[in-house]
Amino acid sequence: METDGERTQDHRRIIRVAWVADGVFAATSIPYALGIESLERASVAVDLTLFLVSLPVWVYAFLVAVGRTARGDDIAVASLFFLQRSAPRSVRVSLLGALAVCLGVTALTAKSNPFGVLVPMLPLGLAGLWGALHGTYPPRPARSGGARRSHGRSGE
């Protein structure tokens, strides 16, 4: 069983990864955008690596959230990825701050390295991962006994 100290450490680890990724992204993309041509390959490599790292993060966050939903948590996209009403303010500010910084770096450097537009997938995925692993959600509302679930087409 996980202790409170281990859980707190895991919370911090996800936040730390988001900020370290931002730092690495900025350290390669900004100098390249300012004209240091020798960083072109490093900048592209970092951008693509951070994007590729984001893919399993997103998949894992999604699978954990689906599992929690199946067990009765009412998880919506806004509460999972944007941490609305599911995370303490300090966590929400830190993870969404990392996303904002990443978007700022992306906006400043996208002209010189278009691969940078893929990088914000990582901090957003990490916010979703935090929400999936540690978010607090209300229970899903119970469906009324005889109600059928609609499949999106009228009359079926």
Protein backbone atom coordinates (compact mmCIF):
# COMPACT_ATOMS: atom_id res chain seq x y z
CA MET A 1 0.00 0.00 0.00
CA GLU A 2 1.21 3.48 -0.87
CA THR A 3 2.02 5.83 2.02
CA ASP A 4 1.12 9.53 2.11
CA GLY A 5 4.80 10.38 1.66
CA GLU A 6 5.08 8.21 -1.46
CA ARG A 7 1.87 9.69 -2.86
CA THR A 8 3.15 13.24 -2.24
CA GLN A 9 6.44 12.34 -3.92
CA ASP A 10 4.56 11.01 -6.97
CA HIS A 11 2.50 14.25 -7.12
CA ARG A 12 5.71 16.26 -7.14
CA ARG A 13 7.44 14.00 -9.67
CA ILE A 14 4.79 14.66 -12.32
CA ILE A 15 5.01 18.42 -11.72
CA ARG A 16 8.81 18.29 -11.78
CA VAL A 17 8.83 16.41 -15.10
CA ALA A 18 6.57 19.05 -16.65
CA TRP A 19 8.91 21.89 -15.62
CA VAL A 20 12.11 20.04 -16.56
CA ALA A 21 10.66 19.30 -19.99
CA ASP A 22 9.82 23.01 -20.37
CA GLY A 23 13.37 23.92 -19.41
CA VAL A 24 14.93 21.53 -21.92
CA PHE A 25 12.52 22.71 -24.62
CA ALA A 26 13.33 26.37 -23.94
CA ALA A 27 17.09 25.74 -23.66
CA THR A 28 17.25 24.33 -27.18
CA SER A 29 14.43 26.12 -29.00
CA ILE A 30 14.99 29.73 -27.91
CA PRO A 31 18.70 29.91 -28.81
CA TYR A 32 17.98 28.25 -32.15
CA ALA A 33 15.16 30.72 -32.82
CA LEU A 34 17.60 33.54 -32.00
CA GLY A 35 19.94 32.34 -34.71
CA ILE A 36 22.31 29.79 -33.17
CA GLU A 37 22.18 27.42 -36.14
CA SER A 38 24.34 24.77 -34.45
CA LEU A 39 21.34 23.92 -32.24
CA GLU A 40 19.02 23.06 -35.13
CA ARG A 41 19.38 19.28 -34.81
CA ALA A 42 19.27 19.39 -31.02
CA SER A 43 16.15 21.54 -31.09
CA VAL A 44 14.34 19.25 -33.53
CA ALA A 45 15.46 16.16 -31.60
CA VAL A 46 14.25 17.58 -28.28
CA ASP A 47 10.92 18.64 -29.77
CA LEU A 48 10.27 15.24 -31.32
CA THR A 49 11.47 13.37 -28.22
CA LEU A 50 9.19 15.37 -25.92
CA PHE A 51 6.28 14.73 -28.27
CA LEU A 52 7.04 11.01 -28.45
CA VAL A 53 7.25 10.86 -24.65
CA SER A 54 3.83 12.51 -24.47
CA LEU A 55 2.12 9.73 -26.42
CA PRO A 56 2.39 6.95 -23.80
CA VAL A 57 1.66 9.54 -21.08
CA TRP A 58 -1.63 10.37 -22.80
CA VAL A 59 -2.50 6.70 -23.35
CA TYR A 60 -1.74 5.79 -19.73
CA ALA A 61 -3.68 8.80 -18.39
CA PHE A 62 -6.65 7.87 -20.57
CA LEU A 63 -6.60 4.21 -19.49
CA VAL A 64 -6.36 5.11 -15.80
CA ALA A 65 -9.23 7.59 -16.21
CA VAL A 66 -11.36 4.98 -18.00
CA GLY A 67 -10.70 2.55 -15.15
CA ARG A 68 -11.69 5.13 -12.57
CA THR A 69 -14.84 5.97 -14.53
CA ALA A 70 -15.73 2.28 -14.68
CA ARG A 71 -15.35 2.14 -10.89
CA GLY A 72 -17.82 5.01 -10.49
CA ASP A 73 -15.89 8.31 -10.68
CA ASP A 74 -17.50 11.08 -12.73
CA ILE A 75 -14.52 12.25 -14.79
CA ALA A 76 -14.94 14.87 -17.51
CA VAL A 77 -12.28 16.12 -19.91
CA ALA A 78 -12.07 19.52 -18.18
CA SER A 79 -11.57 17.95 -14.77
CA LEU A 80 -9.04 15.42 -16.08
CA PHE A 81 -6.79 17.57 -18.24
CA PHE A 82 -7.48 21.08 -16.94
CA LEU A 83 -7.87 19.87 -13.35
CA GLN A 84 -11.09 21.83 -12.77
CA ARG A 85 -12.38 20.96 -9.29
CA SER A 86 -10.23 17.81 -9.24
CA ALA A 87 -6.86 19.10 -7.99
CA PRO A 88 -5.62 21.46 -5.29
CA ARG A 89 -5.06 24.99 -6.53
CA SER A 90 -1.27 24.72 -6.13
CA VAL A 91 -1.12 21.63 -8.36
CA ARG A 92 -3.47 23.15 -10.94
CA VAL A 93 -1.47 26.39 -11.06
CA SER A 94 1.84 24.55 -11.37
CA LEU A 95 0.80 22.10 -14.08
CA LEU A 96 -1.23 24.59 -16.10
CA GLY A 97 1.59 27.13 -15.57
CA ALA A 98 4.00 24.64 -17.14
CA LEU A 99 1.58 24.30 -20.05
CA ALA A 100 1.34 28.10 -20.40
CA VAL A 101 5.13 28.47 -20.39
CA CYS A 102 5.40 25.72 -22.99
CA LEU A 103 2.80 27.43 -25.17
CA GLY A 104 4.71 30.70 -24.83
CA VAL A 105 7.98 29.10 -25.92
CA THR A 106 6.11 27.41 -28.76
CA ALA A 107 4.63 30.71 -29.93
CA LEU A 108 8.03 32.39 -29.87
CA THR A 109 9.89 29.61 -31.66
CA ALA A 110 7.38 27.99 -34.02
CA LYS A 111 8.54 29.98 -37.05
CA SER A 112 12.11 28.70 -36.76
CA ASN A 113 11.22 25.15 -35.75
CA PRO A 114 7.69 24.01 -36.52
CA PHE A 115 8.21 20.72 -34.64
CA GLY A 116 7.91 22.74 -31.44
CA VAL A 117 4.14 22.94 -31.87
CA LEU A 118 4.01 19.27 -30.83
CA VAL A 119 5.69 19.84 -27.46
CA PRO A 120 2.67 21.21 -25.50
CA MET A 121 1.19 17.73 -25.73
CA LEU A 122 3.56 16.70 -22.92
CA PRO A 123 2.59 19.18 -20.17
CA LEU A 124 -1.08 18.76 -21.04
CA GLY A 125 -0.70 14.98 -20.94
CA LEU A 126 1.12 15.24 -17.60
CA ALA A 127 -1.77 17.31 -16.22
CA GLY A 128 -4.10 14.54 -17.38
CA LEU A 129 -1.86 11.93 -15.80
CA TRP A 130 -1.92 13.82 -12.50
CA GLY A 131 -5.70 14.07 -12.74
CA ALA A 132 -6.09 10.38 -13.56
CA LEU A 133 -3.80 9.21 -10.76
CA HIS A 134 -4.50 11.73 -8.01
CA GLY A 135 -7.58 13.78 -8.92
CA THR A 136 -10.65 13.75 -6.73
CA TYR A 137 -13.94 13.30 -8.55
CA PRO A 138 -17.54 13.02 -7.47
CA PRO A 139 -19.34 9.71 -7.94
CA ARG A 140 -21.10 9.23 -11.25
CA PRO A 141 -24.81 9.91 -11.00
CA ALA A 142 -26.84 6.70 -10.91
CA ARG A 143 -28.95 6.01 -13.97
CA SER A 144 -32.63 5.54 -13.36
CA GLY A 145 -33.65 1.88 -13.43
CA GLY A 146 -35.55 1.70 -16.74
CA ALA A 147 -33.68 4.33 -18.70
CA ARG A 148 -32.02 3.19 -21.90
CA ARG A 149 -28.85 4.80 -23.07
CA SER A 150 -29.20 6.64 -26.37
CA HIS A 151 -26.87 5.73 -29.19
CA GLY A 152 -27.13 9.15 -30.76
CA ARG A 153 -29.86 8.48 -33.30
CA SER A 154 -33.40 9.52 -32.79
CA GLY A 155 -35.89 6.67 -32.63
CA GLU A 156 -33.42 3.82 -32.08
